[in-house]
Amino acid sequence: MTTRRSFVAATAAAATQAFQPSSVMAQSFPSKAIHFIVPFPVGGSADVLARLVGQHMTQRWGPAVLVDPRPGGGTVIGTSLAAKAPADGHTILFIANSFVINAKLRTNLPYDGIKAFEPVAMMVSSPQVIAVSASSPFRTFKEWLDAARAQPGTQSLATLGPATAQHIAAEMLQRATGVRLIYAAYPGSVQAVSAVLGGHVGCVLANLADMSSHLEAGKLRPLAVTTTERLEALKNVPTVAESGYPGYEVVAWFGVAAPAGTPRATVDKLAEGVNAALNDTDIRQKIAAIGLQSAYMDPAAFSTHIAQQYERYARVIDEAKITAD
């Protein structure tokens, strides 16, 4: 006959057994290689950052963090692959502004938008720069806009796209300035910058990180930055806002997410790994050198940031009637 004492003891034992797997999982994670899916082209700032953070995690934990570039489909291809992975922390996803933009714009995603993932950590932010080649006749942002205004549809602007932060930024620029531009979409910032350097497109709007070396070499001429204040690295370059279009601001952000259902302890350990990497002096110097700014957020803060970003982009997309096409 089961006594009350034996029942309590059995219940306590069951509770202990139920708790142990999660505890053991947290202590043993990672137990194998981690696949870090990056849905952006090789060679861009996302790829560079992922490799820096991944290498630090490998040194910290032992099992390798393997950066797995899966560009295409406006980041949907790589994101879809990550969404289907086991929710055990051994597959993580590099995300940026396009993560929330796709959730708003694309109604036929092969995954459940934002809900398909657990935010792990925000890593960095990246200002955007509007630039022309050194051989361009335009020396200022005003000169470029005046030409675009005088002859609508004659000035081309290369960005990522469609449905990327840079694409939205270009649409916002047209609405703010009243000019009509020729939108030239490329699969990555590196390709967009190369198009301008090669004379195929007149102007580019892209991450500072993806054009910093060309700016330093004098191959590109910066016309404006998209932050609210001037950048330390480009003190003589005005912001779009101060050029007569107050309120204009576009900043790219990069972070990490894991498939929905990943244990909280595992998410927290991944976040700690990201934070440790960003606090490494060598890594901080390397990301600063390519124009990225450390902007770590833990899982809770990053979740709030993603929700706020979704609302902001949804409002712009609805007002501008932007479509995924």
Protein backbone atom coordinates (compact mmCIF):
# COMPACT_ATOMS: atom_id res chain seq x y z
CA MET A 1 0.00 0.00 0.00
CA THR A 2 1.36 3.36 -0.98
CA THR A 3 1.87 5.66 1.99
CA ARG A 4 1.89 9.45 1.84
CA ARG A 5 5.60 9.44 2.65
CA SER A 6 6.45 7.06 -0.20
CA PHE A 7 4.28 9.06 -2.60
CA VAL A 8 6.10 12.31 -1.72
CA ALA A 9 9.45 10.54 -2.09
CA ALA A 10 8.45 9.13 -5.47
CA THR A 11 7.22 12.53 -6.64
CA ALA A 12 10.44 14.20 -5.56
CA ALA A 13 12.48 11.56 -7.35
CA ALA A 14 10.48 12.03 -10.53
CA ALA A 15 10.94 15.78 -10.34
CA THR A 16 14.66 15.33 -9.91
CA GLN A 17 14.85 13.00 -12.90
CA ALA A 18 12.82 15.44 -15.01
CA PHE A 19 15.19 18.24 -14.10
CA GLN A 20 18.42 16.39 -14.68
CA PRO A 21 18.34 16.09 -18.49
CA SER A 22 18.04 19.87 -18.91
CA SER A 23 20.80 20.46 -16.39
CA VAL A 24 23.06 17.88 -17.95
CA MET A 25 22.32 19.27 -21.42
CA ALA A 26 23.30 22.77 -20.34
CA GLN A 27 26.55 21.51 -18.82
CA SER A 28 27.51 19.30 -21.76
CA PHE A 29 26.57 21.75 -24.54
CA PRO A 30 28.07 21.88 -27.07
CA SER A 31 28.55 18.16 -27.47
CA LYS A 32 29.41 18.33 -31.17
CA ALA A 33 30.17 20.84 -33.93
CA ILE A 34 27.90 23.89 -34.18
CA HIS A 35 26.73 24.90 -37.64
CA PHE A 36 26.54 28.69 -37.89
CA ILE A 37 24.36 29.35 -40.94
CA VAL A 38 25.01 32.73 -42.58
CA PRO A 39 22.38 33.57 -45.23
CA PHE A 40 24.65 36.20 -46.82
CA PRO A 41 27.40 35.99 -49.47
CA VAL A 42 30.96 34.99 -48.59
CA GLY A 43 33.33 37.92 -48.13
CA GLY A 44 30.80 40.42 -46.78
CA SER A 45 30.74 41.89 -43.28
CA ALA A 46 28.29 39.21 -42.09
CA ASP A 47 30.64 36.44 -43.19
CA VAL A 48 33.67 38.11 -41.59
CA LEU A 49 31.87 38.71 -38.29
CA ALA A 50 30.49 35.17 -38.13
CA ARG A 51 33.97 33.71 -38.63
CA LEU A 52 35.49 35.92 -35.91
CA VAL A 53 32.80 34.99 -33.38
CA GLY A 54 32.77 31.35 -34.44
CA GLN A 55 36.53 31.00 -34.05
CA HIS A 56 36.38 32.46 -30.55
CA MET A 57 33.57 30.06 -29.57
CA THR A 58 35.61 27.15 -30.91
CA GLN A 59 38.59 28.15 -28.79
CA ARG A 60 36.35 28.65 -25.76
CA TRP A 61 34.34 25.42 -25.95
CA GLY A 62 36.33 22.89 -27.97
CA PRO A 63 33.82 21.62 -30.57
CA ALA A 64 34.19 23.52 -33.84
CA VAL A 65 31.81 26.27 -34.85
CA LEU A 66 31.51 25.81 -38.60
CA VAL A 67 30.42 28.87 -40.56
CA ASP A 68 28.04 27.69 -43.26
CA PRO A 69 27.31 30.37 -45.91
CA ARG A 70 23.87 29.85 -47.49
CA PRO A 71 23.06 33.04 -49.44
CA GLY A 72 20.09 33.48 -51.74
CA GLY A 73 16.40 34.22 -51.73
CA GLY A 74 16.80 37.43 -49.76
CA THR A 75 18.23 35.32 -46.86
CA VAL A 76 15.21 32.97 -46.98
CA ILE A 77 17.21 29.94 -48.20
CA GLY A 78 19.62 29.90 -45.26
CA THR A 79 16.96 30.91 -42.75
CA SER A 80 14.66 28.11 -43.90
CA LEU A 81 17.47 25.59 -43.49
CA ALA A 82 18.10 26.75 -39.93
CA ALA A 83 14.40 26.65 -39.07
CA LYS A 84 14.27 22.94 -39.93
CA ALA A 85 17.29 22.04 -37.79
CA PRO A 86 16.95 20.28 -34.40
CA ALA A 87 16.34 22.75 -31.58
CA ASP A 88 19.40 21.72 -29.58
CA GLY A 89 21.69 24.71 -30.12
CA HIS A 90 23.98 22.93 -32.56
CA THR A 91 22.55 24.94 -35.45
CA ILE A 92 22.41 28.71 -35.11
CA LEU A 93 21.50 31.43 -37.57
CA PHE A 94 23.06 34.79 -38.40
CA ILE A 95 20.23 37.34 -38.66
CA ALA A 96 19.95 40.99 -39.62
CA ASN A 97 17.25 43.55 -40.49
CA SER A 98 16.08 41.33 -43.34
CA PHE A 99 14.89 38.81 -40.74
CA VAL A 100 12.02 41.07 -39.64
CA ILE A 101 11.47 42.57 -43.08
CA ASN A 102 10.83 39.13 -44.57
CA ALA A 103 8.45 38.30 -41.74
CA LYS A 104 6.36 41.31 -42.76
CA LEU A 105 6.71 41.25 -46.54
CA ARG A 106 6.70 37.60 -47.47
CA THR A 107 3.44 35.73 -46.92
CA ASN A 108 4.71 32.40 -48.22
CA LEU A 109 7.80 31.86 -46.09
CA PRO A 110 8.71 28.17 -45.62
CA TYR A 111 8.96 28.85 -41.87
CA ASP A 112 6.84 30.71 -39.32
CA GLY A 113 8.44 34.16 -39.61
CA ILE A 114 9.90 35.42 -36.34
CA LYS A 115 8.17 32.71 -34.27
CA ALA A 116 10.35 30.01 -35.82
CA PHE A 117 13.38 31.22 -33.85
CA GLU A 118 14.65 32.03 -30.39
CA PRO A 119 16.65 35.29 -30.27
CA VAL A 120 20.10 34.57 -28.83
CA ALA A 121 22.07 37.82 -28.95
CA MET A 122 22.54 41.00 -30.92
CA MET A 123 26.18 41.42 -31.89
CA VAL A 124 26.87 44.66 -33.76
CA SER A 125 25.34 47.54 -35.65
CA SER A 126 26.54 48.93 -38.95
CA PRO A 127 25.93 52.41 -40.34
CA GLN A 128 25.06 52.72 -44.00
CA VAL A 129 26.94 54.96 -46.41
CA ILE A 130 25.86 56.47 -49.72
CA ALA A 131 28.88 56.65 -52.00
CA VAL A 132 29.98 57.11 -55.61
CA SER A 133 33.19 56.12 -57.38
CA ALA A 134 36.14 58.47 -57.20
CA SER A 135 35.66 59.25 -60.91
CA SER A 136 32.06 60.40 -60.42
CA PRO A 137 31.28 64.04 -61.22
CA PHE A 138 29.28 64.30 -57.98
CA ARG A 139 31.28 65.58 -55.04
CA THR A 140 28.43 66.15 -52.59
CA PHE A 141 25.13 64.54 -51.61
CA LYS A 142 23.31 67.70 -52.76
CA GLU A 143 24.87 67.57 -56.21
CA TRP A 144 23.79 63.97 -56.64
CA LEU A 145 20.25 64.68 -55.47
CA ASP A 146 19.99 67.78 -57.68
CA ALA A 147 20.92 65.69 -60.72
CA ALA A 148 18.39 63.01 -59.78
CA ARG A 149 15.71 65.65 -59.27
CA ALA A 150 16.46 67.48 -62.53
CA GLN A 151 16.27 64.28 -64.59
CA PRO A 152 14.07 61.74 -62.77
CA GLY A 153 15.02 58.12 -63.34
CA THR A 154 18.53 58.80 -64.59
CA GLN A 155 20.52 58.17 -61.42
CA SER A 156 21.03 54.55 -60.37
CA LEU A 157 21.51 53.28 -56.83
CA ALA A 158 22.98 49.86 -56.06
CA THR A 159 21.85 48.08 -52.89
CA LEU A 160 21.06 44.62 -51.61
CA GLY A 161 17.61 43.47 -52.41
CA PRO A 162 14.83 43.08 -52.74
CA ALA A 163 13.26 43.21 -49.27
CA THR A 164 16.49 44.01 -47.44
CA ALA A 165 17.33 46.82 -45.05
CA GLN A 166 19.20 48.60 -47.83
CA HIS A 167 16.27 48.21 -50.22
CA ILE A 168 13.93 49.73 -47.61
CA ALA A 169 16.52 52.45 -46.94
CA ALA A 170 16.55 53.32 -50.65
CA GLU A 171 12.76 53.52 -50.72
CA MET A 172 12.81 55.72 -47.63
CA LEU A 173 15.41 57.94 -49.29
CA GLN A 174 13.23 58.43 -52.37
CA ARG A 175 10.23 59.29 -50.20
CA ALA A 176 12.20 61.69 -48.01
CA THR A 177 13.93 63.54 -50.86
CA GLY A 178 11.23 63.34 -53.51
CA VAL A 179 13.64 61.99 -56.14
CA ARG A 180 13.13 58.97 -58.38
CA LEU A 181 16.08 56.60 -58.65
CA ILE A 182 16.85 53.49 -60.68
CA TYR A 183 17.04 50.67 -58.15
CA ALA A 184 19.81 48.14 -58.90
CA ALA A 185 19.56 45.06 -56.68
CA TYR A 186 22.54 42.81 -55.90
CA PRO A 187 22.84 39.62 -53.82
CA GLY A 188 25.34 41.21 -51.45
CA SER A 189 26.96 44.51 -50.48
CA VAL A 190 30.29 43.40 -51.92
CA GLN A 191 28.70 42.91 -55.34
CA ALA A 192 26.85 46.23 -55.09
CA VAL A 193 30.06 48.08 -54.24
CA SER A 194 31.90 46.31 -57.05
CA ALA A 195 29.22 47.42 -59.51
CA VAL A 196 29.90 51.05 -58.65
CA LEU A 197 33.67 50.58 -58.77
CA GLY A 198 33.27 49.00 -62.20
CA GLY A 199 31.16 51.88 -63.50
CA HIS A 200 28.02 49.77 -63.98
CA VAL A 201 25.99 51.75 -61.43
CA GLY A 202 26.35 55.37 -60.41
CA CYS A 203 25.91 55.16 -56.65
CA VAL A 204 25.72 52.62 -53.83
CA LEU A 205 23.99 52.43 -50.45
CA ALA A 206 25.61 49.73 -48.31
CA ASN A 207 27.18 48.89 -44.97
CA LEU A 208 30.22 50.95 -44.08
CA ALA A 209 31.92 47.64 -43.28
CA ASP A 210 31.59 46.54 -46.90
CA MET A 211 33.18 49.62 -48.40
CA SER A 212 35.59 50.88 -45.73
CA SER A 213 38.70 49.59 -47.51
CA HIS A 214 37.64 51.27 -50.78
CA LEU A 215 36.93 54.54 -48.96
CA GLU A 216 40.36 54.44 -47.32
CA ALA A 217 41.98 53.69 -50.68
CA GLY A 218 40.20 56.65 -52.28
CA LYS A 219 38.34 54.48 -54.78
CA LEU A 220 34.95 55.51 -53.41
CA ARG A 221 33.74 58.98 -52.45
CA PRO A 222 31.25 59.07 -49.53
CA LEU A 223 28.36 61.48 -50.00
CA ALA A 224 26.29 60.89 -46.87
CA VAL A 225 25.79 58.54 -43.93
CA THR A 226 22.43 57.24 -42.71
CA THR A 227 22.98 57.63 -38.96
CA THR A 228 21.55 60.49 -36.87
CA GLU A 229 25.05 61.76 -36.10
CA ARG A 230 28.24 61.91 -38.12
CA LEU A 231 30.58 58.94 -37.89
CA GLU A 232 33.93 59.19 -36.16
CA ALA A 233 35.54 57.50 -39.17
CA LEU A 234 33.90 59.93 -41.64
CA LYS A 235 33.78 63.22 -39.74
CA ASN A 236 33.57 65.34 -42.88
CA VAL A 237 30.67 63.41 -44.38
CA PRO A 238 27.19 64.78 -43.55
CA THR A 239 24.22 62.71 -42.47
CA VAL A 240 21.15 62.49 -44.67
CA ALA A 241 19.20 64.05 -41.81
CA GLU A 242 21.39 67.14 -41.54
CA SER A 243 21.35 67.53 -45.32
CA GLY A 244 17.75 68.69 -45.09
CA TYR A 245 15.85 65.46 -44.39
CA PRO A 246 15.38 65.26 -40.61
CA GLY A 247 14.22 61.97 -39.19
CA TYR A 248 15.98 59.86 -41.81
CA GLU A 249 17.92 57.07 -40.11
CA VAL A 250 18.83 53.55 -41.19
CA VAL A 251 21.24 51.33 -39.27
CA ALA A 252 21.87 47.67 -39.99
CA TRP A 253 22.16 45.25 -37.07
CA PHE A 254 23.54 41.73 -36.90
CA GLY A 255 22.62 39.05 -34.40
CA VAL A 256 22.25 35.34 -33.69
CA ALA A 257 19.11 33.20 -33.36
CA ALA A 258 18.41 29.51 -32.75
CA PRO A 259 15.48 27.31 -33.80
CA ALA A 260 12.37 27.78 -31.67
CA GLY A 261 12.27 25.37 -28.75
CA THR A 262 16.00 25.48 -28.07
CA PRO A 263 16.41 25.05 -24.28
CA ARG A 264 16.75 28.31 -22.37
CA ALA A 265 20.00 27.17 -20.73
CA THR A 266 21.47 26.49 -24.17
CA VAL A 267 20.33 29.86 -25.50
CA ASP A 268 21.91 31.57 -22.51
CA LYS A 269 25.18 29.70 -23.01
CA LEU A 270 25.26 30.69 -26.69
CA ALA A 271 24.63 34.30 -25.69
CA GLU A 272 27.48 34.15 -23.18
CA GLY A 273 29.73 32.81 -25.93
CA VAL A 274 28.79 35.69 -28.25
CA ASN A 275 29.35 38.24 -25.48
CA ALA A 276 32.75 36.79 -24.64
CA ALA A 277 33.79 37.01 -28.28
CA LEU A 278 32.68 40.63 -28.57
CA ASN A 279 34.63 41.49 -25.42
CA ASP A 280 37.82 40.02 -26.82
CA THR A 281 40.21 42.91 -27.46
CA ASP A 282 41.50 41.52 -30.75
CA ILE A 283 38.00 40.91 -32.11
CA ARG A 284 36.80 44.36 -31.01
CA GLN A 285 39.68 45.94 -32.92
CA LYS A 286 38.99 43.85 -36.01
CA ILE A 287 35.27 44.63 -36.16
CA ALA A 288 35.93 48.33 -35.55
CA ALA A 289 38.46 48.31 -38.39
CA ILE A 290 35.78 47.20 -40.86
CA GLY A 291 33.21 49.75 -39.68
CA LEU A 292 31.12 47.62 -37.30
CA GLN A 293 30.11 48.83 -33.85
CA SER A 294 29.72 46.43 -30.92
CA ALA A 295 26.11 46.46 -29.74
CA TYR A 296 25.61 43.33 -27.64
CA MET A 297 22.12 42.52 -26.33
CA ASP A 298 21.20 39.45 -24.28
CA PRO A 299 18.28 37.20 -25.32
CA ALA A 300 15.61 39.24 -23.52
CA ALA A 301 16.81 42.62 -24.78
CA PHE A 302 17.31 41.25 -28.29
CA SER A 303 13.76 39.85 -28.31
CA THR A 304 12.43 43.33 -27.49
CA HIS A 305 14.63 44.89 -30.17
CA ILE A 306 13.35 42.47 -32.82
CA ALA A 307 9.73 43.24 -31.91
CA GLN A 308 10.41 46.98 -32.14
CA GLN A 309 12.20 46.61 -35.45
CA TYR A 310 9.30 44.62 -36.86
CA GLU A 311 6.85 47.38 -35.95
CA ARG A 312 9.10 50.08 -37.43
CA TYR A 313 9.62 48.30 -40.73
CA ALA A 314 5.99 47.24 -40.96
CA ARG A 315 4.93 50.86 -40.71
CA VAL A 316 7.36 51.99 -43.44
CA ILE A 317 6.43 49.07 -45.70
CA ASP A 318 2.71 49.75 -45.35
CA GLU A 319 3.07 53.51 -45.90
CA ALA A 320 5.34 53.11 -48.94
CA LYS A 321 3.35 50.16 -50.30
CA ILE A 322 6.56 48.16 -50.68
CA THR A 323 6.23 44.60 -51.92
CA ALA A 324 8.60 41.65 -51.99
CA ASP A 325 8.79 42.05 -55.78
